[in-house]
Amino acid sequence: MLSNFTNSLQLLEVAQKEQLYKKLVLQLKKDFELANVPIKLATDISPDELKTLLHEKVYVLIVEKFDQYLNLLYVVDIPESEVRKIAPADAVDISAEVSFLLLKREWQKVWFKNKYSS
């Protein structure tokens, strides 16, 4: 079910409901590794913990490792136009919005793979 989510927790709840949460976490791990951005994600991490960890990681990337941040956005395939829609604010707010964009894009990948693979 691809729908218009309003926040990260809502998206993660739907992923759990559709029994795709573990695949979503694995997809996040895979794309972070491809972007050469280390992240420690247990497959049994709770949605709240995942949201918090992702938010913190994106914040650190924006503030301290901007090149890695840009590389991650490229690897995950987040459109630049979506990032530009984020209202200028402090790095904490921006990282929360980017984390949500990351989750939405990763959810798309997982949902489509599940729906259309045999």
PDB file of N, CA and C in Angstrom:
ATOM      1  N   MET A   1       0.828  -1.172   0.000  1.00  0.00           N
ATOM      2  CA  MET A   1       0.000   0.000   0.000  1.00  0.00           C
ATOM      3  C   MET A   1       0.878   1.243   0.000  1.00  0.00           C
ATOM      4  N   LEU A   2       1.008   1.847  -1.133  1.00  0.00           N
ATOM      5  CA  LEU A   2       1.720   3.116  -1.228  1.00  0.00           C
ATOM      6  C   LEU A   2       0.702   4.217  -0.985  1.00  0.00           C
ATOM      7  N   SER A   3       0.954   4.992   0.030  1.00  0.00           N
ATOM      8  CA  SER A   3       0.021   6.075   0.318  1.00  0.00           C
ATOM      9  C   SER A   3       0.791   7.306   0.750  1.00  0.00           C
ATOM     10  N   ASN A   4       0.066   8.358   0.925  1.00  0.00           N
ATOM     11  CA  ASN A   4       0.685   9.605   1.359  1.00  0.00           C
ATOM     12  C   ASN A   4       0.778   9.612   2.879  1.00  0.00           C
ATOM     13  N   PHE A   5       1.950   9.353   3.373  1.00  0.00           N
ATOM     14  CA  PHE A   5       2.174   9.333   4.807  1.00  0.00           C
ATOM     15  C   PHE A   5       2.407  10.754   5.296  1.00  0.00           C
ATOM     16  N   THR A   6       2.040  10.992   6.543  1.00  0.00           N
ATOM     17  CA  THR A   6       2.251  12.315   7.112  1.00  0.00           C
ATOM     18  C   THR A   6       3.488  12.375   7.994  1.00  0.00           C
ATOM     19  N   ASN A   7       3.954  11.202   8.459  1.00  0.00           N
ATOM     20  CA  ASN A   7       5.161  11.185   9.275  1.00  0.00           C
ATOM     21  C   ASN A   7       5.829   9.813   9.235  1.00  0.00           C
ATOM     22  N   SER A   8       7.014   9.750   9.790  1.00  0.00           N
ATOM     23  CA  SER A   8       7.817   8.525   9.752  1.00  0.00           C
ATOM     24  C   SER A   8       7.159   7.384  10.516  1.00  0.00           C
ATOM     25  N   LEU A   9       6.613   7.674  11.674  1.00  0.00           N
ATOM     26  CA  LEU A   9       6.012   6.605  12.484  1.00  0.00           C
ATOM     27  C   LEU A   9       4.807   5.975  11.795  1.00  0.00           C
ATOM     28  N   GLN A  10       4.030   6.785  11.113  1.00  0.00           N
ATOM     29  CA  GLN A  10       2.887   6.255  10.371  1.00  0.00           C
ATOM     30  C   GLN A  10       3.372   5.296   9.276  1.00  0.00           C
ATOM     31  N   LEU A  11       4.418   5.688   8.572  1.00  0.00           N
ATOM     32  CA  LEU A  11       4.999   4.848   7.535  1.00  0.00           C
ATOM     33  C   LEU A  11       5.503   3.528   8.133  1.00  0.00           C
ATOM     34  N   LEU A  12       6.198   3.605   9.250  1.00  0.00           N
ATOM     35  CA  LEU A  12       6.749   2.407   9.880  1.00  0.00           C
ATOM     36  C   LEU A  12       5.644   1.490  10.410  1.00  0.00           C
ATOM     37  N   GLU A  13       4.551   2.057  10.877  1.00  0.00           N
ATOM     38  CA  GLU A  13       3.416   1.248  11.325  1.00  0.00           C
ATOM     39  C   GLU A  13       2.806   0.474  10.161  1.00  0.00           C
ATOM     40  N   VAL A  14       2.678   1.131   9.015  1.00  0.00           N
ATOM     41  CA  VAL A  14       2.142   0.459   7.831  1.00  0.00           C
ATOM     42  C   VAL A  14       3.095  -0.653   7.391  1.00  0.00           C
ATOM     43  N   ALA A  15       4.389  -0.393   7.451  1.00  0.00           N
ATOM     44  CA  ALA A  15       5.371  -1.416   7.086  1.00  0.00           C
ATOM     45  C   ALA A  15       5.227  -2.635   7.995  1.00  0.00           C
ATOM     46  N   GLN A  16       5.016  -2.401   9.279  1.00  0.00           N
ATOM     47  CA  GLN A  16       4.819  -3.514  10.207  1.00  0.00           C
ATOM     48  C   GLN A  16       3.522  -4.251   9.892  1.00  0.00           C
ATOM     49  N   LYS A  17       2.474  -3.493   9.635  1.00  0.00           N
ATOM     50  CA  LYS A  17       1.160  -4.086   9.352  1.00  0.00           C
ATOM     51  C   LYS A  17       1.237  -4.985   8.116  1.00  0.00           C
ATOM     52  N   GLU A  18       1.985  -4.566   7.124  1.00  0.00           N
ATOM     53  CA  GLU A  18       2.107  -5.343   5.893  1.00  0.00           C
ATOM     54  C   GLU A  18       3.235  -6.373   5.965  1.00  0.00           C
ATOM     55  N   GLN A  19       3.826  -6.504   7.125  1.00  0.00           N
ATOM     56  CA  GLN A  19       4.903  -7.459   7.388  1.00  0.00           C
ATOM     57  C   GLN A  19       6.104  -7.244   6.468  1.00  0.00           C
ATOM     58  N   LEU A  20       6.411  -5.976   6.225  1.00  0.00           N
ATOM     59  CA  LEU A  20       7.565  -5.619   5.398  1.00  0.00           C
ATOM     60  C   LEU A  20       8.575  -4.786   6.171  1.00  0.00           C
ATOM     61  N   TYR A  21       8.377  -4.671   7.468  1.00  0.00           N
ATOM     62  CA  TYR A  21       9.247  -3.829   8.293  1.00  0.00           C
ATOM     63  C   TYR A  21      10.695  -4.317   8.270  1.00  0.00           C
ATOM     64  N   LYS A  22      10.883  -5.628   8.426  1.00  0.00           N
ATOM     65  CA  LYS A  22      12.240  -6.185   8.434  1.00  0.00           C
ATOM     66  C   LYS A  22      12.927  -5.933   7.090  1.00  0.00           C
ATOM     67  N   LYS A  23      12.184  -6.072   6.016  1.00  0.00           N
ATOM     68  CA  LYS A  23      12.752  -5.808   4.686  1.00  0.00           C
ATOM     69  C   LYS A  23      13.113  -4.332   4.535  1.00  0.00           C
ATOM     70  N   LEU A  24      12.319  -3.460   5.128  1.00  0.00           N
ATOM     71  CA  LEU A  24      12.611  -2.035   5.089  1.00  0.00           C
ATOM     72  C   LEU A  24      13.922  -1.737   5.814  1.00  0.00           C
ATOM     73  N   VAL A  25      14.107  -2.345   6.976  1.00  0.00           N
ATOM     74  CA  VAL A  25      15.345  -2.155   7.740  1.00  0.00           C
ATOM     75  C   VAL A  25      16.532  -2.688   6.949  1.00  0.00           C
ATOM     76  N   LEU A  26      16.371  -3.849   6.324  1.00  0.00           N
ATOM     77  CA  LEU A  26      17.460  -4.425   5.522  1.00  0.00           C
ATOM     78  C   LEU A  26      17.783  -3.548   4.309  1.00  0.00           C
ATOM     79  N   GLN A  27      16.765  -2.960   3.698  1.00  0.00           N
ATOM     80  CA  GLN A  27      16.989  -2.058   2.564  1.00  0.00           C
ATOM     81  C   GLN A  27      17.742  -0.806   3.012  1.00  0.00           C
ATOM     82  N   LEU A  28      17.389  -0.275   4.168  1.00  0.00           N
ATOM     83  CA  LEU A  28      18.115   0.873   4.719  1.00  0.00           C
ATOM     84  C   LEU A  28      19.581   0.525   4.947  1.00  0.00           C
ATOM     85  N   LYS A  29      19.832  -0.628   5.567  1.00  0.00           N
ATOM     86  CA  LYS A  29      21.210  -1.056   5.816  1.00  0.00           C
ATOM     87  C   LYS A  29      21.982  -1.176   4.503  1.00  0.00           C
ATOM     88  N   LYS A  30      21.346  -1.788   3.526  1.00  0.00           N
ATOM     89  CA  LYS A  30      21.989  -1.998   2.225  1.00  0.00           C
ATOM     90  C   LYS A  30      22.372  -0.665   1.571  1.00  0.00           C
ATOM     91  N   ASP A  31      21.443   0.281   1.552  1.00  0.00           N
ATOM     92  CA  ASP A  31      21.721   1.553   0.890  1.00  0.00           C
ATOM     93  C   ASP A  31      22.723   2.402   1.661  1.00  0.00           C
ATOM     94  N   PHE A  32      22.696   2.329   2.977  1.00  0.00           N
ATOM     95  CA  PHE A  32      23.710   3.042   3.763  1.00  0.00           C
ATOM     96  C   PHE A  32      25.090   2.459   3.470  1.00  0.00           C
ATOM     97  N   GLU A  33      25.179   1.127   3.360  1.00  0.00           N
ATOM     98  CA  GLU A  33      26.464   0.496   3.032  1.00  0.00           C
ATOM     99  C   GLU A  33      26.920   0.896   1.634  1.00  0.00           C
ATOM    100  N   LEU A  34      26.001   0.917   0.673  1.00  0.00           N
ATOM    101  CA  LEU A  34      26.351   1.321  -0.691  1.00  0.00           C
ATOM    102  C   LEU A  34      26.860   2.761  -0.736  1.00  0.00           C
ATOM    103  N   ALA A  35      26.332   3.600   0.143  1.00  0.00           N
ATOM    104  CA  ALA A  35      26.757   4.999   0.208  1.00  0.00           C
ATOM    105  C   ALA A  35      28.011   5.160   1.067  1.00  0.00           C
ATOM    106  N   ASN A  36      28.497   4.064   1.600  1.00  0.00           N
ATOM    107  CA  ASN A  36      29.678   4.063   2.457  1.00  0.00           C
ATOM    108  C   ASN A  36      29.466   4.928   3.707  1.00  0.00           C
ATOM    109  N   VAL A  37      28.268   4.809   4.264  1.00  0.00           N
ATOM    110  CA  VAL A  37      27.910   5.510   5.496  1.00  0.00           C
ATOM    111  C   VAL A  37      27.599   4.434   6.541  1.00  0.00           C
ATOM    112  N   PRO A  38      28.480   4.277   7.526  1.00  0.00           N
ATOM    113  CA  PRO A  38      28.236   3.222   8.517  1.00  0.00           C
ATOM    114  C   PRO A  38      27.036   3.525   9.408  1.00  0.00           C
ATOM    115  N   ILE A  39      26.204   2.509   9.593  1.00  0.00           N
ATOM    116  CA  ILE A  39      25.058   2.624  10.494  1.00  0.00           C
ATOM    117  C   ILE A  39      24.804   1.241  11.091  1.00  0.00           C
ATOM    118  N   LYS A  40      24.524   1.212  12.373  1.00  0.00           N
ATOM    119  CA  LYS A  40      24.259  -0.051  13.052  1.00  0.00           C
ATOM    120  C   LYS A  40      22.755  -0.181  13.262  1.00  0.00           C
ATOM    121  N   LEU A  41      22.149  -1.050  12.460  1.00  0.00           N
ATOM    122  CA  LEU A  41      20.718  -1.295  12.555  1.00  0.00           C
ATOM    123  C   LEU A  41      20.486  -2.777  12.825  1.00  0.00           C
ATOM    124  N   ALA A  42      19.877  -3.074  13.943  1.00  0.00           N
ATOM    125  CA  ALA A  42      19.473  -4.447  14.214  1.00  0.00           C
ATOM    126  C   ALA A  42      18.158  -4.696  13.489  1.00  0.00           C
ATOM    127  N   THR A  43      17.963  -5.899  13.001  1.00  0.00           N
ATOM    128  CA  THR A  43      16.729  -6.182  12.267  1.00  0.00           C
ATOM    129  C   THR A  43      15.503  -6.164  13.178  1.00  0.00           C
ATOM    130  N   ASP A  44      15.720  -6.263  14.485  1.00  0.00           N
ATOM    131  CA  ASP A  44      14.591  -6.238  15.410  1.00  0.00           C
ATOM    132  C   ASP A  44      14.430  -4.875  16.096  1.00  0.00           C
ATOM    133  N   ILE A  45      14.984  -3.832  15.510  1.00  0.00           N
ATOM    134  CA  ILE A  45      14.890  -2.483  16.075  1.00  0.00           C
ATOM    135  C   ILE A  45      13.426  -2.017  16.037  1.00  0.00           C
ATOM    136  N   SER A  46      13.017  -1.330  17.074  1.00  0.00           N
ATOM    137  CA  SER A  46      11.631  -0.841  17.122  1.00  0.00           C
ATOM    138  C   SER A  46      11.478   0.363  16.185  1.00  0.00           C
ATOM    139  N   PRO A  47      10.256   0.634  15.738  1.00  0.00           N
ATOM    140  CA  PRO A  47      10.037   1.796  14.873  1.00  0.00           C
ATOM    141  C   PRO A  47      10.487   3.115  15.504  1.00  0.00           C
ATOM    142  N   ASP A  48      10.225   3.297  16.792  1.00  0.00           N
ATOM    143  CA  ASP A  48      10.660   4.529  17.468  1.00  0.00           C
ATOM    144  C   ASP A  48      12.179   4.657  17.460  1.00  0.00           C
ATOM    145  N   GLU A  49      12.851   3.551  17.764  1.00  0.00           N
ATOM    146  CA  GLU A  49      14.317   3.560  17.780  1.00  0.00           C
ATOM    147  C   GLU A  49      14.868   3.816  16.382  1.00  0.00           C
ATOM    148  N   LEU A  50      14.257   3.188  15.381  1.00  0.00           N
ATOM    149  CA  LEU A  50      14.708   3.373  14.002  1.00  0.00           C
ATOM    150  C   LEU A  50      14.558   4.836  13.590  1.00  0.00           C
ATOM    151  N   LYS A  51      13.415   5.420  13.887  1.00  0.00           N
ATOM    152  CA  LYS A  51      13.173   6.823  13.545  1.00  0.00           C
ATOM    153  C   LYS A  51      14.215   7.722  14.214  1.00  0.00           C
ATOM    154  N   THR A  52      14.469   7.496  15.485  1.00  0.00           N
ATOM    155  CA  THR A  52      15.430   8.301  16.237  1.00  0.00           C
ATOM    156  C   THR A  52      16.845   8.113  15.705  1.00  0.00           C
ATOM    157  N   LEU A  53      17.234   6.870  15.482  1.00  0.00           N
ATOM    158  CA  LEU A  53      18.583   6.580  14.994  1.00  0.00           C
ATOM    159  C   LEU A  53      18.816   7.188  13.613  1.00  0.00           C
ATOM    160  N   LEU A  54      17.835   7.047  12.751  1.00  0.00           N
ATOM    161  CA  LEU A  54      17.950   7.608  11.403  1.00  0.00           C
ATOM    162  C   LEU A  54      18.046   9.133  11.457  1.00  0.00           C
ATOM    163  N   HIS A  55      17.229   9.739  12.292  1.00  0.00           N
ATOM    164  CA  HIS A  55      17.247  11.198  12.448  1.00  0.00           C
ATOM    165  C   HIS A  55      18.613  11.668  12.946  1.00  0.00           C
ATOM    166  N   GLU A  56      19.148  10.998  13.949  1.00  0.00           N
ATOM    167  CA  GLU A  56      20.462  11.365  14.488  1.00  0.00           C
ATOM    168  C   GLU A  56      21.551  11.204  13.439  1.00  0.00           C
ATOM    169  N   LYS A  57      21.488  10.108  12.696  1.00  0.00           N
ATOM    170  CA  LYS A  57      22.514   9.836  11.683  1.00  0.00           C
ATOM    171  C   LYS A  57      22.487  10.901  10.586  1.00  0.00           C
ATOM    172  N   VAL A  58      21.302  11.241  10.117  1.00  0.00           N
ATOM    173  CA  VAL A  58      21.178  12.255   9.067  1.00  0.00           C
ATOM    174  C   VAL A  58      21.646  13.613   9.587  1.00  0.00           C
ATOM    175  N   TYR A  59      21.327  13.917  10.834  1.00  0.00           N
ATOM    176  CA  TYR A  59      21.771  15.176  11.434  1.00  0.00           C
ATOM    177  C   TYR A  59      23.297  15.268  11.433  1.00  0.00           C
ATOM    178  N   VAL A  60      23.965  14.204  11.883  1.00  0.00           N
ATOM    179  CA  VAL A  60      25.432  14.190  11.921  1.00  0.00           C
ATOM    180  C   VAL A  60      25.998  14.335  10.516  1.00  0.00           C
ATOM    181  N   LEU A  61      25.387  13.669   9.554  1.00  0.00           N
ATOM    182  CA  LEU A  61      25.862  13.773   8.173  1.00  0.00           C
ATOM    183  C   LEU A  61      25.733  15.197   7.650  1.00  0.00           C
ATOM    184  N   ILE A  62      24.613  15.840   7.923  1.00  0.00           N
ATOM    185  CA  ILE A  62      24.406  17.213   7.449  1.00  0.00           C
ATOM    186  C   ILE A  62      25.416  18.164   8.080  1.00  0.00           C
ATOM    187  N   VAL A  63      25.622  18.027   9.383  1.00  0.00           N
ATOM    188  CA  VAL A  63      26.457  18.967  10.116  1.00  0.00           C
ATOM    189  C   VAL A  63      27.947  18.700   9.934  1.00  0.00           C
ATOM    190  N   GLU A  64      28.344  17.414   9.913  1.00  0.00           N
ATOM    191  CA  GLU A  64      29.769  17.092   9.936  1.00  0.00           C
ATOM    192  C   GLU A  64      30.316  16.443   8.668  1.00  0.00           C
ATOM    193  N   LYS A  65      29.476  15.747   7.920  1.00  0.00           N
ATOM    194  CA  LYS A  65      29.965  14.983   6.765  1.00  0.00           C
ATOM    195  C   LYS A  65      29.037  15.203   5.571  1.00  0.00           C
ATOM    196  N   PHE A  66      29.009  16.419   5.099  1.00  0.00           N
ATOM    197  CA  PHE A  66      28.038  16.790   4.070  1.00  0.00           C
ATOM    198  C   PHE A  66      28.218  16.005   2.772  1.00  0.00           C
ATOM    199  N   ASP A  67      29.445  15.688   2.403  1.00  0.00           N
ATOM    200  CA  ASP A  67      29.678  14.895   1.187  1.00  0.00           C
ATOM    201  C   ASP A  67      29.036  13.516   1.299  1.00  0.00           C
ATOM    202  N   GLN A  68      29.159  12.891   2.470  1.00  0.00           N
ATOM    203  CA  GLN A  68      28.530  11.584   2.673  1.00  0.00           C
ATOM    204  C   GLN A  68      27.003  11.708   2.653  1.00  0.00           C
ATOM    205  N   TYR A  69      26.508  12.796   3.190  1.00  0.00           N
ATOM    206  CA  TYR A  69      25.067  13.065   3.169  1.00  0.00           C
ATOM    207  C   TYR A  69      24.567  13.129   1.723  1.00  0.00           C
ATOM    208  N   LEU A  70      25.249  13.888   0.889  1.00  0.00           N
ATOM    209  CA  LEU A  70      24.858  14.006  -0.516  1.00  0.00           C
ATOM    210  C   LEU A  70      24.949  12.658  -1.227  1.00  0.00           C
ATOM    211  N   ASN A  71      25.990  11.897  -0.921  1.00  0.00           N
ATOM    212  CA  ASN A  71      26.148  10.581  -1.514  1.00  0.00           C
ATOM    213  C   ASN A  71      25.003   9.655  -1.105  1.00  0.00           C
ATOM    214  N   LEU A  72      24.602   9.719   0.151  1.00  0.00           N
ATOM    215  CA  LEU A  72      23.485   8.902   0.623  1.00  0.00           C
ATOM    216  C   LEU A  72      22.200   9.257  -0.120  1.00  0.00           C
ATOM    217  N   LEU A  73      21.943  10.547  -0.284  1.00  0.00           N
ATOM    218  CA  LEU A  73      20.747  10.963  -1.023  1.00  0.00           C
ATOM    219  C   LEU A  73      20.777  10.434  -2.451  1.00  0.00           C
ATOM    220  N   TYR A  74      21.949  10.433  -3.051  1.00  0.00           N
ATOM    221  CA  TYR A  74      22.109   9.928  -4.410  1.00  0.00           C
ATOM    222  C   TYR A  74      21.856   8.421  -4.469  1.00  0.00           C
ATOM    223  N   VAL A  75      22.457   7.681  -3.550  1.00  0.00           N
ATOM    224  CA  VAL A  75      22.320   6.218  -3.539  1.00  0.00           C
ATOM    225  C   VAL A  75      20.870   5.810  -3.287  1.00  0.00           C
ATOM    226  N   VAL A  76      20.221   6.471  -2.347  1.00  0.00           N
ATOM    227  CA  VAL A  76      18.835   6.132  -2.030  1.00  0.00           C
ATOM    228  C   VAL A  76      17.901   6.600  -3.142  1.00  0.00           C
ATOM    229  N   ASP A  77      18.344   7.557  -3.924  1.00  0.00           N
ATOM    230  CA  ASP A  77      17.597   8.091  -5.058  1.00  0.00           C
ATOM    231  C   ASP A  77      16.462   9.008  -4.610  1.00  0.00           C
ATOM    232  N   ILE A  78      16.828   9.974  -3.796  1.00  0.00           N
ATOM    233  CA  ILE A  78      15.874  10.996  -3.375  1.00  0.00           C
ATOM    234  C   ILE A  78      16.002  12.177  -4.338  1.00  0.00           C
ATOM    235  N   PRO A  79      14.914  12.547  -4.996  1.00  0.00           N
ATOM    236  CA  PRO A  79      14.980  13.648  -5.961  1.00  0.00           C
ATOM    237  C   PRO A  79      15.392  14.964  -5.296  1.00  0.00           C
ATOM    238  N   GLU A  80      16.243  15.685  -5.978  1.00  0.00           N
ATOM    239  CA  GLU A  80      16.695  16.979  -5.480  1.00  0.00           C
ATOM    240  C   GLU A  80      15.517  17.921  -5.267  1.00  0.00           C
ATOM    241  N   SER A  81      14.517  17.803  -6.129  1.00  0.00           N
ATOM    242  CA  SER A  81      13.342  18.669  -6.001  1.00  0.00           C
ATOM    243  C   SER A  81      12.626  18.454  -4.668  1.00  0.00           C
ATOM    244  N   GLU A  82      12.621  17.222  -4.163  1.00  0.00           N
ATOM    245  CA  GLU A  82      12.000  16.941  -2.868  1.00  0.00           C
ATOM    246  C   GLU A  82      12.784  17.584  -1.725  1.00  0.00           C
ATOM    247  N   VAL A  83      14.098  17.519  -1.817  1.00  0.00           N
ATOM    248  CA  VAL A  83      14.949  18.106  -0.779  1.00  0.00           C
ATOM    249  C   VAL A  83      14.800  19.620  -0.791  1.00  0.00           C
ATOM    250  N   ARG A  84      14.670  20.192  -1.967  1.00  0.00           N
ATOM    251  CA  ARG A  84      14.532  21.655  -2.073  1.00  0.00           C
ATOM    252  C   ARG A  84      13.203  22.156  -1.504  1.00  0.00           C
ATOM    253  N   LYS A  85      12.205  21.274  -1.415  1.00  0.00           N
ATOM    254  CA  LYS A  85      10.909  21.669  -0.868  1.00  0.00           C
ATOM    255  C   LYS A  85      10.956  21.848   0.650  1.00  0.00           C
ATOM    256  N   ILE A  86      11.988  21.330   1.285  1.00  0.00           N
ATOM    257  CA  ILE A  86      12.095  21.451   2.734  1.00  0.00           C
ATOM    258  C   ILE A  86      12.341  22.909   3.097  1.00  0.00           C
ATOM    259  N   ALA A  87      11.504  23.419   3.978  1.00  0.00           N
ATOM    260  CA  ALA A  87      11.620  24.819   4.391  1.00  0.00           C
ATOM    261  C   ALA A  87      12.924  25.039   5.151  1.00  0.00           C
ATOM    262  N   PRO A  88      13.621  26.122   4.847  1.00  0.00           N
ATOM    263  CA  PRO A  88      14.861  26.406   5.571  1.00  0.00           C
ATOM    264  C   PRO A  88      14.571  26.554   7.069  1.00  0.00           C
ATOM    265  N   ALA A  89      15.325  25.818   7.835  1.00  0.00           N
ATOM    266  CA  ALA A  89      15.177  25.838   9.292  1.00  0.00           C
ATOM    267  C   ALA A  89      16.522  25.419   9.881  1.00  0.00           C
ATOM    268  N   ASP A  90      16.508  25.002  11.105  1.00  0.00           N
ATOM    269  CA  ASP A  90      17.768  24.535  11.687  1.00  0.00           C
ATOM    270  C   ASP A  90      18.035  23.097  11.235  1.00  0.00           C
ATOM    271  N   ALA A  91      19.246  22.636  11.466  1.00  0.00           N
ATOM    272  CA  ALA A  91      19.677  21.319  10.994  1.00  0.00           C
ATOM    273  C   ALA A  91      18.853  20.188  11.596  1.00  0.00           C
ATOM    274  N   VAL A  92      18.337  20.373  12.798  1.00  0.00           N
ATOM    275  CA  VAL A  92      17.525  19.332  13.439  1.00  0.00           C
ATOM    276  C   VAL A  92      16.228  19.112  12.656  1.00  0.00           C
ATOM    277  N   ASP A  93      15.547  20.193  12.311  1.00  0.00           N
ATOM    278  CA  ASP A  93      14.296  20.086  11.556  1.00  0.00           C
ATOM    279  C   ASP A  93      14.537  19.535  10.152  1.00  0.00           C
ATOM    280  N   ILE A  94      15.587  20.013   9.524  1.00  0.00           N
ATOM    281  CA  ILE A  94      15.907  19.545   8.171  1.00  0.00           C
ATOM    282  C   ILE A  94      16.242  18.049   8.194  1.00  0.00           C
ATOM    283  N   SER A  95      17.006  17.623   9.179  1.00  0.00           N
ATOM    284  CA  SER A  95      17.365  16.202   9.246  1.00  0.00           C
ATOM    285  C   SER A  95      16.134  15.332   9.498  1.00  0.00           C
ATOM    286  N   ALA A  96      15.165  15.831  10.241  1.00  0.00           N
ATOM    287  CA  ALA A  96      13.922  15.080  10.449  1.00  0.00           C
ATOM    288  C   ALA A  96      13.167  14.918   9.133  1.00  0.00           C
ATOM    289  N   GLU A  97      13.098  15.995   8.358  1.00  0.00           N
ATOM    290  CA  GLU A  97      12.414  15.939   7.058  1.00  0.00           C
ATOM    291  C   GLU A  97      13.142  15.011   6.080  1.00  0.00           C
ATOM    292  N   VAL A  98      14.453  15.092   6.058  1.00  0.00           N
ATOM    293  CA  VAL A  98      15.237  14.236   5.161  1.00  0.00           C
ATOM    294  C   VAL A  98      15.111  12.769   5.578  1.00  0.00           C
ATOM    295  N   SER A  99      15.076  12.514   6.870  1.00  0.00           N
ATOM    296  CA  SER A  99      14.888  11.146   7.357  1.00  0.00           C
ATOM    297  C   SER A  99      13.554  10.587   6.859  1.00  0.00           C
ATOM    298  N   PHE A 100      12.534  11.412   6.885  1.00  0.00           N
ATOM    299  CA  PHE A 100      11.221  11.007   6.392  1.00  0.00           C
ATOM    300  C   PHE A 100      11.279  10.727   4.890  1.00  0.00           C
ATOM    301  N   LEU A 101      11.972  11.572   4.134  1.00  0.00           N
ATOM    302  CA  LEU A 101      12.135  11.331   2.695  1.00  0.00           C
ATOM    303  C   LEU A 101      12.872  10.019   2.442  1.00  0.00           C
ATOM    304  N   LEU A 102      13.910   9.762   3.246  1.00  0.00           N
ATOM    305  CA  LEU A 102      14.653   8.498   3.124  1.00  0.00           C
ATOM    306  C   LEU A 102      13.730   7.309   3.353  1.00  0.00           C
ATOM    307  N   LEU A 103      12.970   7.370   4.418  1.00  0.00           N
ATOM    308  CA  LEU A 103      12.062   6.262   4.727  1.00  0.00           C
ATOM    309  C   LEU A 103      11.009   6.066   3.633  1.00  0.00           C
ATOM    310  N   LYS A 104      10.462   7.180   3.114  1.00  0.00           N
ATOM    311  CA  LYS A 104       9.456   7.057   2.055  1.00  0.00           C
ATOM    312  C   LYS A 104      10.046   6.384   0.814  1.00  0.00           C
ATOM    313  N   ARG A 105      11.257   6.784   0.437  1.00  0.00           N
ATOM    314  CA  ARG A 105      11.865   6.215  -0.765  1.00  0.00           C
ATOM    315  C   ARG A 105      12.212   4.741  -0.550  1.00  0.00           C
ATOM    316  N   GLU A 106      12.746   4.429   0.611  1.00  0.00           N
ATOM    317  CA  GLU A 106      13.081   3.031   0.906  1.00  0.00           C
ATOM    318  C   GLU A 106      11.814   2.180   0.964  1.00  0.00           C
ATOM    319  N   TRP A 107      10.747   2.745   1.505  1.00  0.00           N
ATOM    320  CA  TRP A 107       9.469   2.036   1.554  1.00  0.00           C
ATOM    321  C   TRP A 107       8.971   1.751   0.143  1.00  0.00           C
ATOM    322  N   GLN A 108       9.112   2.714  -0.769  1.00  0.00           N
ATOM    323  CA  GLN A 108       8.722   2.485  -2.166  1.00  0.00           C
ATOM    324  C   GLN A 108       9.468   1.290  -2.737  1.00  0.00           C
ATOM    325  N   LYS A 109      10.774   1.265  -2.527  1.00  0.00           N
ATOM    326  CA  LYS A 109      11.595   0.175  -3.061  1.00  0.00           C
ATOM    327  C   LYS A 109      11.117  -1.173  -2.529  1.00  0.00           C
ATOM    328  N   VAL A 110      10.928  -1.242  -1.215  1.00  0.00           N
ATOM    329  CA  VAL A 110      10.522  -2.506  -0.584  1.00  0.00           C
ATOM    330  C   VAL A 110       9.126  -2.908  -1.039  1.00  0.00           C
ATOM    331  N   TRP A 111       8.212  -1.965  -1.082  1.00  0.00           N
ATOM    332  CA  TRP A 111       6.835  -2.264  -1.458  1.00  0.00           C
ATOM    333  C   TRP A 111       6.757  -2.776  -2.894  1.00  0.00           C
ATOM    334  N   PHE A 112       7.455  -2.077  -3.815  1.00  0.00           N
ATOM    335  CA  PHE A 112       7.422  -2.512  -5.214  1.00  0.00           C
ATOM    336  C   PHE A 112       8.092  -3.874  -5.394  1.00  0.00           C
ATOM    337  N   LYS A 113       9.216  -4.103  -4.717  1.00  0.00           N
ATOM    338  CA  LYS A 113       9.859  -5.417  -4.814  1.00  0.00           C
ATOM    339  C   LYS A 113       8.928  -6.512  -4.326  1.00  0.00           C
ATOM    340  N   ASN A 114       8.235  -6.263  -3.244  1.00  0.00           N
ATOM    341  CA  ASN A 114       7.328  -7.256  -2.693  1.00  0.00           C
ATOM    342  C   ASN A 114       6.143  -7.486  -3.611  1.00  0.00           C
ATOM    343  N   LYS A 115       5.591  -6.420  -4.162  1.00  0.00           N
ATOM    344  CA  LYS A 115       4.388  -6.532  -4.994  1.00  0.00           C
ATOM    345  C   LYS A 115       4.668  -7.173  -6.339  1.00  0.00           C
ATOM    346  N   TYR A 116       5.805  -6.862  -6.939  1.00  0.00           N
ATOM    347  CA  TYR A 116       6.035  -7.271  -8.322  1.00  0.00           C
ATOM    348  C   TYR A 116       7.101  -8.333  -8.520  1.00  0.00           C
ATOM    349  N   SER A 117       7.676  -8.856  -7.444  1.00  0.00           N
ATOM    350  CA  SER A 117       8.643  -9.935  -7.627  1.00  0.00           C
ATOM    351  C   SER A 117       7.932 -11.273  -7.496  1.00  0.00           C
ATOM    352  N   SER A 118       8.521 -12.269  -8.126  1.00  0.00           N
ATOM    353  CA  SER A 118       7.869 -13.581  -8.078  1.00  0.00           C
ATOM    354  C   SER A 118       8.531 -14.510  -7.106  1.00  0.00           C
TER     355      SER A 118
END
